[in-house]
Amino acid sequence: MSDDEVRVPTGVGMTAIGVAAIRAHESRRDDRLFDDPLATRFLAAAGWTAPTAAEIEPRRARWRMLLVASIPIRTRFLDDYLRAATDAGCRQVVLLGAGLDTRAYRLAWPDGTRLFEVDLPDMVGFKNAVLSDVTPSCDRVPVIADLTDDWPTALKTAGFDPTAPTAWVAEGLLVYLTEEQNESLLTDIAALSVPGSHLALTSLDPGRLDAIRERHADGPTHSVVRLWRSSAPEDPVAWLARYGWRATAYDPAERAASYGRPNLFDAFENPPSSRGLVSAVRI
């Protein structure tokens, strides 16, 4: 694979490389919560190397430890959500801001599942190039679109059926959009969702967002935090109810304990929001 075939994403896209690194790390654990054998491909293509302990400033080390702890929990939560949603009859799946998600390849999907991955051109191009020789386990449809623009038209043009029950995922996405853009996103999702559709998202509440911004305002992790534009509303269940969803919020610490990792976040000053994982059904 030549250099001109693979263009590494920049800006927000580089955060997806970091997530892939954490998923690759989790996949090497004996007690792993999931297995993502393709994650290392993205790291190799991006020329990514793990920093040594000596290279990590203490605040950055704590930040990295929190991400290494929390991202596998949300990944497992959403894996389980998608299995349940397809078992409930959703054969149409949409990953919004899909990044380097490999669920189209690593999960066992029911026959007839069609999975749409919506993201920007550089991310879609990078992922397609890196995985060009790998066959997905469902009908994977990449969709090039900006989620702050008319992405529903691009989705429907790619073959999305707005009359079919859909399982939606917005993982690690909302924090990169403004409050107005998140409201617009929820409006568009609702307009495309028939009753019986499912939705899952990850949420960061306003208090934790403010605390993280203050703590990392001048540190080495500022390059990531400065990309964060807003939080979800403090009550994500009430927020989704306004758009016609019956939602349930889950505490990542409780989910971690149920996966065999109790007390995972006890040592962190700013642990994940107690309502940081959300799933919902369209009513």
C-alpha atoms as a PDB file:
ATOM      1  CA  MET A   1       0.000   0.000   0.000  1.00  0.00           C
ATOM      2  CA  SER A   2       1.702   3.235  -1.124  1.00  0.00           C
ATOM      3  CA  ASP A   3       1.722   6.517   0.790  1.00  0.00           C
ATOM      4  CA  ASP A   4      -0.452   8.250  -1.791  1.00  0.00           C
ATOM      5  CA  GLU A   5      -3.179   5.646  -1.287  1.00  0.00           C
ATOM      6  CA  VAL A   6      -3.512   6.361   2.438  1.00  0.00           C
ATOM      7  CA  ARG A   7      -4.029   9.918   3.649  1.00  0.00           C
ATOM      8  CA  VAL A   8      -4.022  10.104   7.412  1.00  0.00           C
ATOM      9  CA  PRO A   9      -6.877  12.213   8.866  1.00  0.00           C
ATOM     10  CA  THR A  10      -5.960  15.402  10.700  1.00  0.00           C
ATOM     11  CA  GLY A  11      -7.679  17.546  13.344  1.00  0.00           C
ATOM     12  CA  VAL A  12     -10.653  15.787  14.884  1.00  0.00           C
ATOM     13  CA  GLY A  13      -9.834  12.802  12.690  1.00  0.00           C
ATOM     14  CA  MET A  14      -6.605  12.220  14.612  1.00  0.00           C
ATOM     15  CA  THR A  15      -8.623  11.557  17.762  1.00  0.00           C
ATOM     16  CA  ALA A  16      -9.945   8.446  15.992  1.00  0.00           C
ATOM     17  CA  ILE A  17      -6.378   7.157  15.784  1.00  0.00           C
ATOM     18  CA  GLY A  18      -6.131   7.524  19.551  1.00  0.00           C
ATOM     19  CA  VAL A  19      -9.375   5.602  20.031  1.00  0.00           C
ATOM     20  CA  ALA A  20      -8.058   2.853  17.739  1.00  0.00           C
ATOM     21  CA  ALA A  21      -4.924   2.652  19.893  1.00  0.00           C
ATOM     22  CA  ILE A  22      -7.036   2.131  23.014  1.00  0.00           C
ATOM     23  CA  ARG A  23      -9.141  -0.529  21.300  1.00  0.00           C
ATOM     24  CA  ALA A  24      -5.983  -2.290  20.156  1.00  0.00           C
ATOM     25  CA  HIS A  25      -4.685  -2.178  23.726  1.00  0.00           C
ATOM     26  CA  GLU A  26      -7.944  -3.615  25.081  1.00  0.00           C
ATOM     27  CA  SER A  27      -7.874  -6.401  22.495  1.00  0.00           C
ATOM     28  CA  ARG A  28      -4.521  -7.595  23.861  1.00  0.00           C
ATOM     29  CA  ARG A  29      -5.900  -8.119  27.372  1.00  0.00           C
ATOM     30  CA  ASP A  30      -6.678 -11.641  28.555  1.00  0.00           C
ATOM     31  CA  ASP A  31      -9.929 -10.306  30.047  1.00  0.00           C
ATOM     32  CA  ARG A  32     -10.779  -8.122  27.034  1.00  0.00           C
ATOM     33  CA  LEU A  33     -14.325  -6.830  26.713  1.00  0.00           C
ATOM     34  CA  PHE A  34     -14.213  -7.095  22.914  1.00  0.00           C
ATOM     35  CA  ASP A  35     -11.757  -8.008  20.191  1.00  0.00           C
ATOM     36  CA  ASP A  36     -10.860  -5.466  17.520  1.00  0.00           C
ATOM     37  CA  PRO A  37      -8.161  -7.165  15.425  1.00  0.00           C
ATOM     38  CA  LEU A  38      -8.241  -4.405  12.800  1.00  0.00           C
ATOM     39  CA  ALA A  39      -7.358  -1.531  15.129  1.00  0.00           C
ATOM     40  CA  THR A  40      -3.625  -2.110  14.755  1.00  0.00           C
ATOM     41  CA  ARG A  41      -3.913  -1.628  10.991  1.00  0.00           C
ATOM     42  CA  PHE A  42      -4.956   1.989  11.487  1.00  0.00           C
ATOM     43  CA  LEU A  43      -2.059   2.614  13.854  1.00  0.00           C
ATOM     44  CA  ALA A  44       0.444   1.184  11.389  1.00  0.00           C
ATOM     45  CA  ALA A  45      -1.007   3.176   8.487  1.00  0.00           C
ATOM     46  CA  ALA A  46      -0.888   6.386  10.537  1.00  0.00           C
ATOM     47  CA  GLY A  47       2.672   5.748  11.718  1.00  0.00           C
ATOM     48  CA  TRP A  48       1.473   5.874  15.315  1.00  0.00           C
ATOM     49  CA  THR A  49       3.776   4.799  18.138  1.00  0.00           C
ATOM     50  CA  ALA A  50       2.852   4.675  21.801  1.00  0.00           C
ATOM     51  CA  PRO A  51       4.576   7.312  23.940  1.00  0.00           C
ATOM     52  CA  THR A  52       6.959   6.088  26.605  1.00  0.00           C
ATOM     53  CA  ALA A  53       6.251   6.724  30.280  1.00  0.00           C
ATOM     54  CA  ALA A  54       9.053   9.314  30.341  1.00  0.00           C
ATOM     55  CA  GLU A  55       7.387  11.255  27.532  1.00  0.00           C
ATOM     56  CA  ILE A  56       4.028  11.575  29.288  1.00  0.00           C
ATOM     57  CA  GLU A  57       3.589  14.584  31.583  1.00  0.00           C
ATOM     58  CA  PRO A  58       1.691  13.629  34.822  1.00  0.00           C
ATOM     59  CA  ARG A  59      -1.564  15.376  33.904  1.00  0.00           C
ATOM     60  CA  ARG A  60      -1.478  13.844  30.470  1.00  0.00           C
ATOM     61  CA  ALA A  61      -0.793  10.441  32.008  1.00  0.00           C
ATOM     62  CA  ARG A  62      -3.914  10.719  34.165  1.00  0.00           C
ATOM     63  CA  TRP A  63      -5.950  11.813  31.154  1.00  0.00           C
ATOM     64  CA  ARG A  64      -4.679   8.889  29.093  1.00  0.00           C
ATOM     65  CA  MET A  65      -5.428   6.456  31.918  1.00  0.00           C
ATOM     66  CA  LEU A  66      -9.018   7.710  32.072  1.00  0.00           C
ATOM     67  CA  LEU A  67      -9.481   7.242  28.325  1.00  0.00           C
ATOM     68  CA  VAL A  68      -7.885   3.790  28.418  1.00  0.00           C
ATOM     69  CA  ALA A  69     -10.353   2.886  31.176  1.00  0.00           C
ATOM     70  CA  SER A  70     -13.514   4.443  29.746  1.00  0.00           C
ATOM     71  CA  ILE A  71     -13.411   3.822  25.984  1.00  0.00           C
ATOM     72  CA  PRO A  72     -13.553   0.001  26.307  1.00  0.00           C
ATOM     73  CA  ILE A  73     -16.616   0.358  28.552  1.00  0.00           C
ATOM     74  CA  ARG A  74     -18.501   2.480  26.035  1.00  0.00           C
ATOM     75  CA  THR A  75     -17.383   0.187  23.210  1.00  0.00           C
ATOM     76  CA  ARG A  76     -18.731  -2.902  24.972  1.00  0.00           C
ATOM     77  CA  PHE A  77     -21.943  -1.059  25.914  1.00  0.00           C
ATOM     78  CA  LEU A  78     -22.597  -0.129  22.290  1.00  0.00           C
ATOM     79  CA  ASP A  79     -21.693  -3.601  21.025  1.00  0.00           C
ATOM     80  CA  ASP A  80     -24.336  -5.041  23.342  1.00  0.00           C
ATOM     81  CA  TYR A  81     -26.823  -2.332  22.324  1.00  0.00           C
ATOM     82  CA  LEU A  82     -26.415  -3.149  18.628  1.00  0.00           C
ATOM     83  CA  ARG A  83     -26.865  -6.856  19.226  1.00  0.00           C
ATOM     84  CA  ALA A  84     -30.086  -6.128  21.110  1.00  0.00           C
ATOM     85  CA  ALA A  85     -31.327  -3.676  18.458  1.00  0.00           C
ATOM     86  CA  THR A  86     -30.787  -6.118  15.601  1.00  0.00           C
ATOM     87  CA  ASP A  87     -32.406  -8.882  17.679  1.00  0.00           C
ATOM     88  CA  ALA A  88     -35.387  -6.515  18.005  1.00  0.00           C
ATOM     89  CA  GLY A  89     -35.676  -6.329  14.228  1.00  0.00           C
ATOM     90  CA  CYS A  90     -33.480  -3.419  13.145  1.00  0.00           C
ATOM     91  CA  ARG A  91     -31.697  -4.510   9.994  1.00  0.00           C
ATOM     92  CA  GLN A  92     -30.585  -0.975   9.181  1.00  0.00           C
ATOM     93  CA  VAL A  93     -27.756   0.547  11.236  1.00  0.00           C
ATOM     94  CA  VAL A  94     -26.291   4.050  11.021  1.00  0.00           C
ATOM     95  CA  LEU A  95     -23.008   5.020  12.689  1.00  0.00           C
ATOM     96  CA  LEU A  96     -22.841   8.820  12.837  1.00  0.00           C
ATOM     97  CA  GLY A  97     -19.284  10.124  12.802  1.00  0.00           C
ATOM     98  CA  ALA A  98     -18.169   6.518  12.394  1.00  0.00           C
ATOM     99  CA  GLY A  99     -14.456   7.266  12.558  1.00  0.00           C
ATOM    100  CA  LEU A 100     -12.415   4.061  12.660  1.00  0.00           C
ATOM    101  CA  ASP A 101     -15.227   1.926  14.040  1.00  0.00           C
ATOM    102  CA  THR A 102     -14.856  -1.682  12.811  1.00  0.00           C
ATOM    103  CA  ARG A 103     -18.182  -3.130  13.961  1.00  0.00           C
ATOM    104  CA  ALA A 104     -19.135  -3.783  10.340  1.00  0.00           C
ATOM    105  CA  TYR A 105     -16.271  -6.301  10.307  1.00  0.00           C
ATOM    106  CA  ARG A 106     -15.915  -7.644  13.841  1.00  0.00           C
ATOM    107  CA  LEU A 107     -19.542  -8.201  14.948  1.00  0.00           C
ATOM    108  CA  ALA A 108     -21.701 -11.128  13.802  1.00  0.00           C
ATOM    109  CA  TRP A 109     -24.662  -9.481  12.056  1.00  0.00           C
ATOM    110  CA  PRO A 110     -28.012 -11.081  11.167  1.00  0.00           C
ATOM    111  CA  ASP A 111     -28.583 -11.774   7.487  1.00  0.00           C
ATOM    112  CA  GLY A 112     -29.806  -8.722   5.625  1.00  0.00           C
ATOM    113  CA  THR A 113     -28.171  -6.142   7.886  1.00  0.00           C
ATOM    114  CA  ARG A 114     -27.108  -2.973   6.108  1.00  0.00           C
ATOM    115  CA  LEU A 115     -24.733  -0.685   8.003  1.00  0.00           C
ATOM    116  CA  PHE A 116     -24.147   2.934   6.964  1.00  0.00           C
ATOM    117  CA  GLU A 117     -20.996   4.695   8.164  1.00  0.00           C
ATOM    118  CA  VAL A 118     -21.326   8.482   7.942  1.00  0.00           C
ATOM    119  CA  ASP A 119     -18.186  10.609   8.138  1.00  0.00           C
ATOM    120  CA  LEU A 120     -16.015  13.200   6.397  1.00  0.00           C
ATOM    121  CA  PRO A 121     -14.105  12.432   3.173  1.00  0.00           C
ATOM    122  CA  ASP A 122     -10.634  12.083   4.704  1.00  0.00           C
ATOM    123  CA  MET A 123     -11.848   9.640   7.350  1.00  0.00           C
ATOM    124  CA  VAL A 124     -13.837   7.528   4.892  1.00  0.00           C
ATOM    125  CA  GLY A 125     -10.939   7.490   2.436  1.00  0.00           C
ATOM    126  CA  PHE A 126      -8.375   6.500   5.069  1.00  0.00           C
ATOM    127  CA  LYS A 127     -10.536   3.711   6.428  1.00  0.00           C
ATOM    128  CA  ASN A 128     -11.453   2.348   3.003  1.00  0.00           C
ATOM    129  CA  ALA A 129      -7.783   2.270   1.971  1.00  0.00           C
ATOM    130  CA  VAL A 130      -6.568   0.550   5.133  1.00  0.00           C
ATOM    131  CA  LEU A 131      -9.323  -2.094   5.057  1.00  0.00           C
ATOM    132  CA  SER A 132      -9.508  -2.529   1.296  1.00  0.00           C
ATOM    133  CA  ASP A 133      -8.632  -6.253   1.512  1.00  0.00           C
ATOM    134  CA  VAL A 134     -11.006  -7.077   4.399  1.00  0.00           C
ATOM    135  CA  THR A 135     -14.588  -8.299   3.881  1.00  0.00           C
ATOM    136  CA  PRO A 136     -17.241  -6.913   6.251  1.00  0.00           C
ATOM    137  CA  SER A 137     -19.735  -9.251   7.917  1.00  0.00           C
ATOM    138  CA  CYS A 138     -22.701  -7.164   6.740  1.00  0.00           C
ATOM    139  CA  ASP A 139     -23.591  -4.849   3.862  1.00  0.00           C
ATOM    140  CA  ARG A 140     -21.330  -1.913   4.757  1.00  0.00           C
ATOM    141  CA  VAL A 141     -22.123   1.408   3.044  1.00  0.00           C
ATOM    142  CA  PRO A 142     -19.703   4.313   3.584  1.00  0.00           C
ATOM    143  CA  VAL A 143     -21.426   7.714   3.314  1.00  0.00           C
ATOM    144  CA  ILE A 144     -19.370  10.865   2.835  1.00  0.00           C
ATOM    145  CA  ALA A 145     -21.191  13.698   4.585  1.00  0.00           C
ATOM    146  CA  ASP A 146     -20.704  16.535   7.060  1.00  0.00           C
ATOM    147  CA  LEU A 147     -22.996  16.112  10.070  1.00  0.00           C
ATOM    148  CA  THR A 148     -23.316  19.889  10.308  1.00  0.00           C
ATOM    149  CA  ASP A 149     -24.705  20.019   6.762  1.00  0.00           C
ATOM    150  CA  ASP A 150     -27.408  18.145   4.813  1.00  0.00           C
ATOM    151  CA  TRP A 151     -26.262  14.644   5.745  1.00  0.00           C
ATOM    152  CA  PRO A 152     -29.792  13.104   5.578  1.00  0.00           C
ATOM    153  CA  THR A 153     -29.864  13.649   1.810  1.00  0.00           C
ATOM    154  CA  ALA A 154     -26.494  11.945   1.402  1.00  0.00           C
ATOM    155  CA  LEU A 155     -27.675   9.061   3.582  1.00  0.00           C
ATOM    156  CA  LYS A 156     -30.871   8.535   1.605  1.00  0.00           C
ATOM    157  CA  THR A 157     -28.978   8.806  -1.685  1.00  0.00           C
ATOM    158  CA  ALA A 158     -26.733   5.979  -0.448  1.00  0.00           C
ATOM    159  CA  GLY A 159     -29.786   3.742  -0.031  1.00  0.00           C
ATOM    160  CA  PHE A 160     -31.053   4.453   3.478  1.00  0.00           C
ATOM    161  CA  ASP A 161     -34.735   3.525   3.872  1.00  0.00           C
ATOM    162  CA  PRO A 162     -36.545   5.980   6.210  1.00  0.00           C
ATOM    163  CA  THR A 163     -39.513   3.583   6.469  1.00  0.00           C
ATOM    164  CA  ALA A 164     -37.438   0.782   8.036  1.00  0.00           C
ATOM    165  CA  PRO A 165     -36.563   0.495  11.756  1.00  0.00           C
ATOM    166  CA  THR A 166     -33.043   1.785  12.284  1.00  0.00           C
ATOM    167  CA  ALA A 167     -30.399   1.428  14.982  1.00  0.00           C
ATOM    168  CA  TRP A 168     -28.492   4.712  15.350  1.00  0.00           C
ATOM    169  CA  VAL A 169     -25.156   5.212  17.120  1.00  0.00           C
ATOM    170  CA  ALA A 170     -23.519   8.527  18.044  1.00  0.00           C
ATOM    171  CA  GLU A 171     -20.354   7.459  19.871  1.00  0.00           C
ATOM    172  CA  GLY A 172     -18.024  10.159  21.153  1.00  0.00           C
ATOM    173  CA  LEU A 173     -19.670  12.594  18.749  1.00  0.00           C
ATOM    174  CA  LEU A 174     -21.847  15.166  20.493  1.00  0.00           C
ATOM    175  CA  VAL A 175     -18.981  16.893  22.291  1.00  0.00           C
ATOM    176  CA  TYR A 176     -17.491  17.955  18.924  1.00  0.00           C
ATOM    177  CA  LEU A 177     -20.701  19.758  17.879  1.00  0.00           C
ATOM    178  CA  THR A 178     -22.250  22.945  19.199  1.00  0.00           C
ATOM    179  CA  GLU A 179     -25.482  22.828  21.192  1.00  0.00           C
ATOM    180  CA  GLU A 180     -27.385  24.098  18.136  1.00  0.00           C
ATOM    181  CA  GLN A 181     -25.804  21.443  15.907  1.00  0.00           C
ATOM    182  CA  ASN A 182     -26.706  18.706  18.373  1.00  0.00           C
ATOM    183  CA  GLU A 183     -30.314  19.876  18.427  1.00  0.00           C
ATOM    184  CA  SER A 184     -30.329  19.844  14.636  1.00  0.00           C
ATOM    185  CA  LEU A 185     -28.796  16.359  14.627  1.00  0.00           C
ATOM    186  CA  LEU A 186     -31.508  15.023  16.944  1.00  0.00           C
ATOM    187  CA  THR A 187     -34.198  16.681  14.813  1.00  0.00           C
ATOM    188  CA  ASP A 188     -32.859  14.997  11.677  1.00  0.00           C
ATOM    189  CA  ILE A 189     -32.517  11.596  13.352  1.00  0.00           C
ATOM    190  CA  ALA A 190     -36.092  11.795  14.627  1.00  0.00           C
ATOM    191  CA  ALA A 191     -37.380  12.682  11.163  1.00  0.00           C
ATOM    192  CA  LEU A 192     -35.691   9.571   9.744  1.00  0.00           C
ATOM    193  CA  SER A 193     -36.805   7.163  12.488  1.00  0.00           C
ATOM    194  CA  VAL A 194     -40.003   5.131  12.472  1.00  0.00           C
ATOM    195  CA  PRO A 195     -41.414   3.717  15.734  1.00  0.00           C
ATOM    196  CA  GLY A 196     -39.341   0.780  16.916  1.00  0.00           C
ATOM    197  CA  SER A 197     -36.082   2.393  15.871  1.00  0.00           C
ATOM    198  CA  HIS A 198     -33.248   2.471  18.405  1.00  0.00           C
ATOM    199  CA  LEU A 199     -30.703   5.133  19.332  1.00  0.00           C
ATOM    200  CA  ALA A 200     -27.566   5.035  21.476  1.00  0.00           C
ATOM    201  CA  LEU A 201     -25.176   7.831  22.323  1.00  0.00           C
ATOM    202  CA  THR A 202     -22.415   8.799  24.699  1.00  0.00           C
ATOM    203  CA  SER A 203     -22.926  11.911  26.778  1.00  0.00           C
ATOM    204  CA  LEU A 204     -20.757  14.358  28.731  1.00  0.00           C
ATOM    205  CA  ASP A 205     -22.691  16.574  31.125  1.00  0.00           C
ATOM    206  CA  PRO A 206     -22.019  20.336  31.434  1.00  0.00           C
ATOM    207  CA  GLY A 207     -20.353  20.161  34.857  1.00  0.00           C
ATOM    208  CA  ARG A 208     -17.764  17.622  33.790  1.00  0.00           C
ATOM    209  CA  LEU A 209     -17.084  19.432  30.530  1.00  0.00           C
ATOM    210  CA  ASP A 210     -16.373  22.677  32.411  1.00  0.00           C
ATOM    211  CA  ALA A 211     -14.141  20.861  34.917  1.00  0.00           C
ATOM    212  CA  ILE A 212     -12.138  19.167  32.173  1.00  0.00           C
ATOM    213  CA  ARG A 213     -11.722  22.411  30.248  1.00  0.00           C
ATOM    214  CA  GLU A 214     -10.455  24.205  33.353  1.00  0.00           C
ATOM    215  CA  ARG A 215      -8.091  21.430  34.371  1.00  0.00           C
ATOM    216  CA  HIS A 216      -6.558  21.049  30.905  1.00  0.00           C
ATOM    217  CA  ALA A 217      -6.709  24.650  29.692  1.00  0.00           C
ATOM    218  CA  ASP A 218      -2.923  25.040  29.444  1.00  0.00           C
ATOM    219  CA  GLY A 219      -1.691  21.459  29.498  1.00  0.00           C
ATOM    220  CA  PRO A 220      -0.496  19.095  26.768  1.00  0.00           C
ATOM    221  CA  THR A 221      -3.976  17.635  26.373  1.00  0.00           C
ATOM    222  CA  HIS A 222      -5.392  21.041  25.438  1.00  0.00           C
ATOM    223  CA  SER A 223      -5.064  20.157  21.739  1.00  0.00           C
ATOM    224  CA  VAL A 224      -7.841  17.591  22.211  1.00  0.00           C
ATOM    225  CA  VAL A 225      -9.986  19.436  24.746  1.00  0.00           C
ATOM    226  CA  ARG A 226     -10.079  22.602  22.630  1.00  0.00           C
ATOM    227  CA  LEU A 227     -11.902  20.600  19.947  1.00  0.00           C
ATOM    228  CA  TRP A 228     -14.782  19.988  22.358  1.00  0.00           C
ATOM    229  CA  ARG A 229     -17.540  22.462  21.629  1.00  0.00           C
ATOM    230  CA  SER A 230     -20.448  21.534  23.897  1.00  0.00           C
ATOM    231  CA  SER A 231     -21.926  19.040  26.304  1.00  0.00           C
ATOM    232  CA  ALA A 232     -25.195  17.183  26.124  1.00  0.00           C
ATOM    233  CA  PRO A 233     -28.002  18.460  28.370  1.00  0.00           C
ATOM    234  CA  GLU A 234     -27.659  17.473  32.020  1.00  0.00           C
ATOM    235  CA  ASP A 235     -30.677  15.157  31.703  1.00  0.00           C
ATOM    236  CA  PRO A 236     -30.245  13.188  28.446  1.00  0.00           C
ATOM    237  CA  VAL A 237     -33.410  11.157  29.105  1.00  0.00           C
ATOM    238  CA  ALA A 238     -35.620  14.269  29.173  1.00  0.00           C
ATOM    239  CA  TRP A 239     -33.714  15.693  26.202  1.00  0.00           C
ATOM    240  CA  LEU A 240     -34.392  12.655  24.023  1.00  0.00           C
ATOM    241  CA  ALA A 241     -38.017  12.520  25.181  1.00  0.00           C
ATOM    242  CA  ARG A 242     -38.567  15.886  23.472  1.00  0.00           C
ATOM    243  CA  TYR A 243     -37.698  14.187  20.187  1.00  0.00           C
ATOM    244  CA  GLY A 244     -39.950  11.168  20.693  1.00  0.00           C
ATOM    245  CA  TRP A 245     -37.534   8.687  22.287  1.00  0.00           C
ATOM    246  CA  ARG A 246     -38.010   6.612  25.442  1.00  0.00           C
ATOM    247  CA  ALA A 247     -34.492   6.624  26.842  1.00  0.00           C
ATOM    248  CA  THR A 248     -32.526   5.025  29.649  1.00  0.00           C
ATOM    249  CA  ALA A 249     -29.237   6.445  30.966  1.00  0.00           C
ATOM    250  CA  TYR A 250     -26.514   4.217  32.375  1.00  0.00           C
ATOM    251  CA  ASP A 251     -23.587   4.930  34.678  1.00  0.00           C
ATOM    252  CA  PRO A 252     -20.295   3.819  33.053  1.00  0.00           C
ATOM    253  CA  ALA A 253     -19.016   2.816  36.503  1.00  0.00           C
ATOM    254  CA  GLU A 254     -22.007   0.512  36.985  1.00  0.00           C
ATOM    255  CA  ARG A 255     -21.572  -0.912  33.490  1.00  0.00           C
ATOM    256  CA  ALA A 256     -17.868  -1.472  34.170  1.00  0.00           C
ATOM    257  CA  ALA A 257     -18.726  -3.412  37.323  1.00  0.00           C
ATOM    258  CA  SER A 258     -21.204  -5.552  35.392  1.00  0.00           C
ATOM    259  CA  TYR A 259     -18.419  -6.335  32.885  1.00  0.00           C
ATOM    260  CA  GLY A 260     -16.119  -7.505  35.692  1.00  0.00           C
ATOM    261  CA  ARG A 261     -14.242  -4.243  36.358  1.00  0.00           C
ATOM    262  CA  PRO A 262     -15.608  -2.840  39.627  1.00  0.00           C
ATOM    263  CA  ASN A 263     -14.285   0.442  41.059  1.00  0.00           C
ATOM    264  CA  LEU A 264     -12.722   1.241  37.679  1.00  0.00           C
ATOM    265  CA  PHE A 265     -13.112   5.008  37.958  1.00  0.00           C
ATOM    266  CA  ASP A 266     -12.753   5.496  41.720  1.00  0.00           C
ATOM    267  CA  ALA A 267      -9.281   7.048  41.489  1.00  0.00           C
ATOM    268  CA  PHE A 268     -10.196   9.729  38.937  1.00  0.00           C
ATOM    269  CA  GLU A 269     -11.127  13.298  39.897  1.00  0.00           C
ATOM    270  CA  ASN A 270     -13.325  13.715  36.800  1.00  0.00           C
ATOM    271  CA  PRO A 271     -14.796  10.264  36.069  1.00  0.00           C
ATOM    272  CA  PRO A 272     -17.306   9.738  33.254  1.00  0.00           C
ATOM    273  CA  SER A 273     -20.759  11.209  33.762  1.00  0.00           C
ATOM    274  CA  SER A 274     -23.088   9.001  35.806  1.00  0.00           C
ATOM    275  CA  ARG A 275     -25.491   9.271  32.850  1.00  0.00           C
ATOM    276  CA  GLY A 276     -22.806   8.999  30.204  1.00  0.00           C
ATOM    277  CA  LEU A 277     -24.216   6.031  28.274  1.00  0.00           C
ATOM    278  CA  VAL A 278     -27.703   6.295  26.813  1.00  0.00           C
ATOM    279  CA  SER A 279     -29.940   3.988  24.789  1.00  0.00           C
ATOM    280  CA  ALA A 280     -33.444   4.749  23.559  1.00  0.00           C
ATOM    281  CA  VAL A 281     -36.382   3.410  21.560  1.00  0.00           C
ATOM    282  CA  ARG A 282     -38.496   5.486  19.198  1.00  0.00           C
ATOM    283  CA  ILE A 283     -42.124   5.685  20.325  1.00  0.00           C
END
